[in-house]
C-alpha atoms as a PDB file:
ATOM      1  CA  UNK A   1      41.444  -6.813 -18.331  1.00  0.00           C
ATOM      2  CA  UNK A   2      39.261  -8.757 -15.530  1.00  0.00           C
ATOM      3  CA  UNK A   3      38.184  -6.971 -12.553  1.00  0.00           C
ATOM      4  CA  UNK A   4      40.018  -7.332  -9.628  1.00  0.00           C
ATOM      5  CA  UNK A   5      37.817  -9.554  -7.001  1.00  0.00           C
ATOM      6  CA  UNK A   6      36.549  -7.214  -3.819  1.00  0.00           C
ATOM      7  CA  UNK A   7      39.609  -6.527  -1.153  1.00  0.00           C
ATOM      8  CA  UNK A   8      38.637  -7.842   2.132  1.00  0.00           C
ATOM      9  CA  UNK A   9      37.805  -3.975   3.678  1.00  0.00           C
ATOM     10  CA  UNK A  10      35.333  -3.864   0.587  1.00  0.00           C
ATOM     11  CA  UNK A  11      33.853  -6.689   1.628  1.00  0.00           C
ATOM     12  CA  UNK A  12      33.601  -6.020   5.523  1.00  0.00           C
ATOM     13  CA  UNK A  13      31.930  -2.795   4.495  1.00  0.00           C
ATOM     14  CA  UNK A  14      29.162  -4.685   2.351  1.00  0.00           C
ATOM     15  CA  UNK A  15      28.618  -6.586   5.311  1.00  0.00           C
ATOM     16  CA  UNK A  16      27.862  -3.683   7.754  1.00  0.00           C
ATOM     17  CA  UNK A  17      26.254  -1.793   5.387  1.00  0.00           C
ATOM     18  CA  UNK A  18      23.607  -5.007   5.041  1.00  0.00           C
ATOM     19  CA  UNK A  19      23.661  -5.170   9.031  1.00  0.00           C
ATOM     20  CA  UNK A  20      22.771  -1.588   9.326  1.00  0.00           C
ATOM     21  CA  UNK A  21      19.794  -1.671   6.411  1.00  0.00           C
ATOM     22  CA  UNK A  22      18.396  -5.009   8.382  1.00  0.00           C
ATOM     23  CA  UNK A  23      18.618  -2.909  10.986  1.00  0.00           C
ATOM     24  CA  UNK A  24      16.582  -0.248  10.037  1.00  0.00           C
ATOM     25  CA  UNK A  25      13.795  -1.976   8.047  1.00  0.00           C
ATOM     26  CA  UNK A  26      13.323  -3.679  11.391  1.00  0.00           C
ATOM     27  CA  UNK A  27      13.066  -0.926  13.172  1.00  0.00           C
ATOM     28  CA  UNK A  28      10.813   0.777  10.559  1.00  0.00           C
ATOM     29  CA  UNK A  29       8.689  -2.256  11.198  1.00  0.00           C
ATOM     30  CA  UNK A  30       8.640  -1.846  14.803  1.00  0.00           C
ATOM     31  CA  UNK A  31      10.269  -5.507  15.618  1.00  0.00           C
ATOM     32  CA  UNK A  32      12.529  -6.251  18.123  1.00  0.00           C
ATOM     33  CA  UNK A  33      15.499  -8.746  17.595  1.00  0.00           C
ATOM     34  CA  UNK A  34      13.846 -11.827  18.996  1.00  0.00           C
ATOM     35  CA  UNK A  35      10.413 -11.140  16.880  1.00  0.00           C
ATOM     36  CA  UNK A  36      12.793 -11.104  13.492  1.00  0.00           C
ATOM     37  CA  UNK A  37      14.694 -14.061  14.813  1.00  0.00           C
ATOM     38  CA  UNK A  38      11.591 -16.054  15.779  1.00  0.00           C
ATOM     39  CA  UNK A  39      10.107 -15.399  12.279  1.00  0.00           C
ATOM     40  CA  UNK A  40      13.430 -16.028  10.186  1.00  0.00           C
ATOM     41  CA  UNK A  41      14.637 -19.144  12.136  1.00  0.00           C
ATOM     42  CA  UNK A  42      17.461 -17.560  14.021  1.00  0.00           C
ATOM     43  CA  UNK A  43      18.791 -17.071  16.907  1.00  0.00           C
ATOM     44  CA  UNK A  44      18.565 -13.191  18.404  1.00  0.00           C
ATOM     45  CA  UNK A  45      22.437 -13.623  19.015  1.00  0.00           C
ATOM     46  CA  UNK A  46      22.884 -13.869  15.225  1.00  0.00           C
ATOM     47  CA  UNK A  47      20.661 -11.161  13.807  1.00  0.00           C
ATOM     48  CA  UNK A  48      22.256  -9.035  16.443  1.00  0.00           C
ATOM     49  CA  UNK A  49      25.654  -9.968  14.931  1.00  0.00           C
ATOM     50  CA  UNK A  50      24.473  -9.738  11.548  1.00  0.00           C
ATOM     51  CA  UNK A  51      22.709  -6.176  12.090  1.00  0.00           C
ATOM     52  CA  UNK A  52      26.177  -5.299  13.511  1.00  0.00           C
ATOM     53  CA  UNK A  53      28.609  -6.621  10.364  1.00  0.00           C
ATOM     54  CA  UNK A  54      29.983  -9.251  12.901  1.00  0.00           C
ATOM     55  CA  UNK A  55      29.103 -12.104  10.679  1.00  0.00           C
ATOM     56  CA  UNK A  56      27.606 -12.896   7.197  1.00  0.00           C
ATOM     57  CA  UNK A  57      24.241 -14.842   6.040  1.00  0.00           C
ATOM     58  CA  UNK A  58      23.553 -17.493   4.077  1.00  0.00           C
ATOM     59  CA  UNK A  59      21.556 -16.289   0.892  1.00  0.00           C
ATOM     60  CA  UNK A  60      18.597 -18.760   2.492  1.00  0.00           C
ATOM     61  CA  UNK A  61      18.829 -16.779   5.288  1.00  0.00           C
ATOM     62  CA  UNK A  62      18.877 -13.460   3.438  1.00  0.00           C
ATOM     63  CA  UNK A  63      15.452 -14.498   1.853  1.00  0.00           C
ATOM     64  CA  UNK A  64      13.769 -15.413   5.171  1.00  0.00           C
ATOM     65  CA  UNK A  65      14.812 -12.226   6.787  1.00  0.00           C
ATOM     66  CA  UNK A  66      13.721 -10.435   3.586  1.00  0.00           C
ATOM     67  CA  UNK A  67      10.354 -12.433   3.948  1.00  0.00           C
ATOM     68  CA  UNK A  68       9.791 -11.420   6.990  1.00  0.00           C
ATOM     69  CA  UNK A  69      10.390  -7.853   6.739  1.00  0.00           C
ATOM     70  CA  UNK A  70       8.292  -7.669   3.533  1.00  0.00           C
ATOM     71  CA  UNK A  71      11.052  -7.284   1.234  1.00  0.00           C
ATOM     72  CA  UNK A  72      13.166  -9.160  -1.648  1.00  0.00           C
ATOM     73  CA  UNK A  73      16.994 -10.144  -0.874  1.00  0.00           C
ATOM     74  CA  UNK A  74      17.669  -7.118  -3.649  1.00  0.00           C
ATOM     75  CA  UNK A  75      16.111  -4.473  -1.757  1.00  0.00           C
ATOM     76  CA  UNK A  76      18.042  -5.532   1.531  1.00  0.00           C
ATOM     77  CA  UNK A  77      21.342  -4.469  -1.126  1.00  0.00           C
ATOM     78  CA  UNK A  78      20.159  -1.673  -2.492  1.00  0.00           C
ATOM     79  CA  UNK A  79      21.691   1.469  -2.368  1.00  0.00           C
ATOM     80  CA  UNK A  80      18.722   3.230  -1.735  1.00  0.00           C
ATOM     81  CA  UNK A  81      18.251   5.165   1.527  1.00  0.00           C
ATOM     82  CA  UNK A  82      15.956   3.382   3.869  1.00  0.00           C
ATOM     83  CA  UNK A  83      13.090   5.456   4.541  1.00  0.00           C
ATOM     84  CA  UNK A  84      10.636   5.644   7.025  1.00  0.00           C
ATOM     85  CA  UNK A  85       8.064   8.092   5.298  1.00  0.00           C
ATOM     86  CA  UNK A  86       7.388   7.485   1.599  1.00  0.00           C
ATOM     87  CA  UNK A  87       5.380   9.695  -0.844  1.00  0.00           C
ATOM     88  CA  UNK A  88       3.648   7.687  -3.524  1.00  0.00           C
ATOM     89  CA  UNK A  89       2.521   9.853  -6.135  1.00  0.00           C
ATOM     90  CA  UNK A  90      -0.858   9.718  -7.966  1.00  0.00           C
ATOM     91  CA  UNK A  91       0.824   9.397 -10.801  1.00  0.00           C
ATOM     92  CA  UNK A  92       3.095   6.477  -9.617  1.00  0.00           C
ATOM     93  CA  UNK A  93       0.406   4.676  -8.221  1.00  0.00           C
ATOM     94  CA  UNK A  94       0.719   0.961  -9.105  1.00  0.00           C
ATOM     95  CA  UNK A  95      -2.630   0.123 -11.579  1.00  0.00           C
ATOM     96  CA  UNK A  96      -4.141  -3.207 -11.153  1.00  0.00           C
ATOM     97  CA  UNK A  97      -6.396  -5.284 -13.843  1.00  0.00           C
ATOM     98  CA  UNK A  98      -9.860  -4.831 -13.023  1.00  0.00           C
ATOM     99  CA  UNK A  99     -13.004  -4.704 -14.835  1.00  0.00           C
ATOM    100  CA  UNK A 100     -13.798  -2.080 -17.734  1.00  0.00           C
ATOM    101  CA  UNK A 101     -14.494   1.268 -16.504  1.00  0.00           C
ATOM    102  CA  UNK A 102     -12.953   0.532 -13.064  1.00  0.00           C
ATOM    103  CA  UNK A 103      -9.525   1.763 -12.121  1.00  0.00           C
ATOM    104  CA  UNK A 104      -8.015   0.112  -8.877  1.00  0.00           C
ATOM    105  CA  UNK A 105      -4.737   1.206  -7.699  1.00  0.00           C
ATOM    106  CA  UNK A 106      -2.592  -0.094  -4.756  1.00  0.00           C
ATOM    107  CA  UNK A 107      -1.656   2.488  -2.180  1.00  0.00           C
ATOM    108  CA  UNK A 108      -0.004   0.390   0.229  1.00  0.00           C
ATOM    109  CA  UNK A 109       4.027  -0.091  -0.051  1.00  0.00           C
ATOM    110  CA  UNK A 110       6.413  -2.961   1.196  1.00  0.00           C
ATOM    111  CA  UNK A 111       7.478  -3.200   3.728  1.00  0.00           C
ATOM    112  CA  UNK A 112       4.164  -2.883   5.218  1.00  0.00           C
ATOM    113  CA  UNK A 113       2.687  -6.213   5.760  1.00  0.00           C
ATOM    114  CA  UNK A 114      -0.006  -6.071   7.902  1.00  0.00           C
ATOM    115  CA  UNK A 115      -2.565  -4.326   6.068  1.00  0.00           C
ATOM    116  CA  UNK A 116      -3.593  -3.364   2.261  1.00  0.00           C
ATOM    117  CA  UNK A 117      -5.134  -0.046   0.911  1.00  0.00           C
ATOM    118  CA  UNK A 118      -6.384   0.041  -2.410  1.00  0.00           C
ATOM    119  CA  UNK A 119      -8.154   3.360  -4.271  1.00  0.00           C
ATOM    120  CA  UNK A 120     -10.640   2.577  -7.000  1.00  0.00           C
ATOM    121  CA  UNK A 121     -12.353   4.612  -9.809  1.00  0.00           C
ATOM    122  CA  UNK A 122     -15.205   3.668 -11.289  1.00  0.00           C
ATOM    123  CA  UNK A 123     -16.736   5.615 -14.532  1.00  0.00           C
ATOM    124  CA  UNK A 124     -20.778   5.715 -14.018  1.00  0.00           C
ATOM    125  CA  UNK A 125     -22.409   2.133 -14.739  1.00  0.00           C
ATOM    126  CA  UNK A 126     -19.249   0.302 -13.606  1.00  0.00           C
ATOM    127  CA  UNK A 127     -18.464  -2.133 -10.838  1.00  0.00           C
ATOM    128  CA  UNK A 128     -16.296  -4.730  -9.706  1.00  0.00           C
ATOM    129  CA  UNK A 129     -17.718  -7.335 -11.364  1.00  0.00           C
ATOM    130  CA  UNK A 130     -20.824  -9.201 -12.649  1.00  0.00           C
ATOM    131  CA  UNK A 131     -20.573 -11.498  -9.639  1.00  0.00           C
ATOM    132  CA  UNK A 132     -19.966 -11.044  -5.697  1.00  0.00           C
ATOM    133  CA  UNK A 133     -16.562 -12.248  -4.869  1.00  0.00           C
ATOM    134  CA  UNK A 134     -14.551 -12.962  -1.738  1.00  0.00           C
ATOM    135  CA  UNK A 135     -11.162 -12.924  -0.932  1.00  0.00           C
ATOM    136  CA  UNK A 136      -9.426 -14.377   2.246  1.00  0.00           C
ATOM    137  CA  UNK A 137     -11.208 -13.899   5.643  1.00  0.00           C
ATOM    138  CA  UNK A 138     -10.060 -10.305   6.788  1.00  0.00           C
ATOM    139  CA  UNK A 139     -11.272  -6.739   7.914  1.00  0.00           C
ATOM    140  CA  UNK A 140     -12.296  -4.894   4.960  1.00  0.00           C
ATOM    141  CA  UNK A 141     -13.200  -1.112   5.513  1.00  0.00           C
ATOM    142  CA  UNK A 142     -14.839   0.644   2.260  1.00  0.00           C
ATOM    143  CA  UNK A 143     -14.883   4.415   2.191  1.00  0.00           C
ATOM    144  CA  UNK A 144     -16.687   6.328  -0.205  1.00  0.00           C
ATOM    145  CA  UNK A 145     -14.193   9.330  -1.236  1.00  0.00           C
ATOM    146  CA  UNK A 146     -16.399  10.519  -4.049  1.00  0.00           C
ATOM    147  CA  UNK A 147     -19.255  10.278  -5.573  1.00  0.00           C
ATOM    148  CA  UNK A 148     -22.084   7.686  -4.474  1.00  0.00           C
ATOM    149  CA  UNK A 149     -21.524   3.724  -4.666  1.00  0.00           C
ATOM    150  CA  UNK A 150     -23.780   0.709  -3.898  1.00  0.00           C
ATOM    151  CA  UNK A 151     -22.613  -1.909  -2.055  1.00  0.00           C
ATOM    152  CA  UNK A 152     -23.972  -5.581  -2.378  1.00  0.00           C
ATOM    153  CA  UNK A 153     -22.997  -7.877   0.350  1.00  0.00           C
ATOM    154  CA  UNK A 154     -24.209 -11.212   1.703  1.00  0.00           C
ATOM    155  CA  UNK A 155     -25.209 -14.772  -0.222  1.00  0.00           C
ATOM    156  CA  UNK A 156     -25.729 -14.300  -4.074  1.00  0.00           C
ATOM    157  CA  UNK A 157     -29.186 -15.482  -3.566  1.00  0.00           C
ATOM    158  CA  UNK A 158     -29.999 -12.868  -0.573  1.00  0.00           C
ATOM    159  CA  UNK A 159     -27.471 -10.065  -0.921  1.00  0.00           C
ATOM    160  CA  UNK A 160     -28.963  -6.754   0.859  1.00  0.00           C
ATOM    161  CA  UNK A 161     -27.579  -3.492  -0.879  1.00  0.00           C
ATOM    162  CA  UNK A 162     -25.929  -0.557   0.775  1.00  0.00           C
ATOM    163  CA  UNK A 163     -26.216   3.532  -0.438  1.00  0.00           C
ATOM    164  CA  UNK A 164     -23.171   5.268   0.604  1.00  0.00           C
ATOM    165  CA  UNK A 165     -22.415   8.743  -0.126  1.00  0.00           C
ATOM    166  CA  UNK A 166     -19.464  10.937  -0.088  1.00  0.00           C
ATOM    167  CA  UNK A 167     -17.769  10.599   3.472  1.00  0.00           C
ATOM    168  CA  UNK A 168     -19.699   7.030   4.157  1.00  0.00           C
ATOM    169  CA  UNK A 169     -17.726   3.853   4.707  1.00  0.00           C
ATOM    170  CA  UNK A 170     -18.851   0.507   5.943  1.00  0.00           C
ATOM    171  CA  UNK A 171     -16.939  -2.490   7.185  1.00  0.00           C
ATOM    172  CA  UNK A 172     -17.322  -6.492   6.670  1.00  0.00           C
ATOM    173  CA  UNK A 173     -15.638  -9.559   6.885  1.00  0.00           C
ATOM    174  CA  UNK A 174     -13.727 -10.384   3.338  1.00  0.00           C
ATOM    175  CA  UNK A 175     -15.115 -13.890   2.978  1.00  0.00           C
ATOM    176  CA  UNK A 176     -18.524 -12.224   2.755  1.00  0.00           C
ATOM    177  CA  UNK A 177     -19.753 -12.037  -0.939  1.00  0.00           C
ATOM    178  CA  UNK A 178     -19.690  -8.270  -1.884  1.00  0.00           C
ATOM    179  CA  UNK A 179     -19.570  -6.265  -4.866  1.00  0.00           C
ATOM    180  CA  UNK A 180     -19.266  -2.545  -5.394  1.00  0.00           C
ATOM    181  CA  UNK A 181     -21.209  -0.685  -8.073  1.00  0.00           C
ATOM    182  CA  UNK A 182     -21.636   2.940  -9.409  1.00  0.00           C
ATOM    183  CA  UNK A 183     -25.163   3.668  -9.768  1.00  0.00           C
ATOM    184  CA  UNK A 184     -24.207   7.352  -9.822  1.00  0.00           C
ATOM    185  CA  UNK A 185     -24.436   9.966 -12.805  1.00  0.00           C
ATOM    186  CA  UNK A 186     -20.841  11.002 -12.036  1.00  0.00           C
ATOM    187  CA  UNK A 187     -17.220   9.050 -11.208  1.00  0.00           C
ATOM    188  CA  UNK A 188     -17.098   7.245  -7.791  1.00  0.00           C
ATOM    189  CA  UNK A 189     -13.879   7.296  -5.829  1.00  0.00           C
ATOM    190  CA  UNK A 190     -13.526   4.867  -3.369  1.00  0.00           C
ATOM    191  CA  UNK A 191     -10.610   3.751  -0.655  1.00  0.00           C
ATOM    192  CA  UNK A 192     -10.256   0.183   0.474  1.00  0.00           C
ATOM    193  CA  UNK A 193      -8.680  -1.042   3.742  1.00  0.00           C
ATOM    194  CA  UNK A 194      -8.152  -4.798   3.947  1.00  0.00           C
ATOM    195  CA  UNK A 195      -6.187  -6.311   7.500  1.00  0.00           C
ATOM    196  CA  UNK A 196      -4.746  -8.122   7.125  1.00  0.00           C
ATOM    197  CA  UNK A 197      -3.895  -8.498   3.206  1.00  0.00           C
ATOM    198  CA  UNK A 198      -5.383 -11.444   1.582  1.00  0.00           C
ATOM    199  CA  UNK A 199      -4.907 -13.323  -1.366  1.00  0.00           C
ATOM    200  CA  UNK A 200      -5.435 -11.660  -4.545  1.00  0.00           C
END
């Protein structure tokens, strides 16, 4: 038997839920109606009507709204609760592909857009790679959580090295070539904070 089409009341309820989720995510991002509308290419009045369930939006508009909020369209329709305080368990951290002997994990989660936080673990002798590298032009802070790190930074032909112990940190531009090496006898754990996020 074919499924019955959704009733008008059900469709209205879906529109109200969608609007409530958009409003909740906007509030979590501390954005005004005008902020969201301007970045999504809509009027504040339209966003207000949408959040109150008084109107619907095209898929294209929902994509733009989701993009501004750092979400996917599917996130807007998810049945999960919109929570302001989210826990990322160590065992659930998304792991990124890195150099041998190194493990890198993404700590910051959507819809956070203005910064990225990564945790890195280095076996003795491991590094971020043989070459110094750059990524975009943002501020980056490297904090040593455990162990002893050597940070090489500057042009490859004249890079300077800095020895960092547990609790030490250093700030630099991501456009400056840099490289982290664990030259200590024990494992190294670090935290990178980058603002704004840069291309991988």
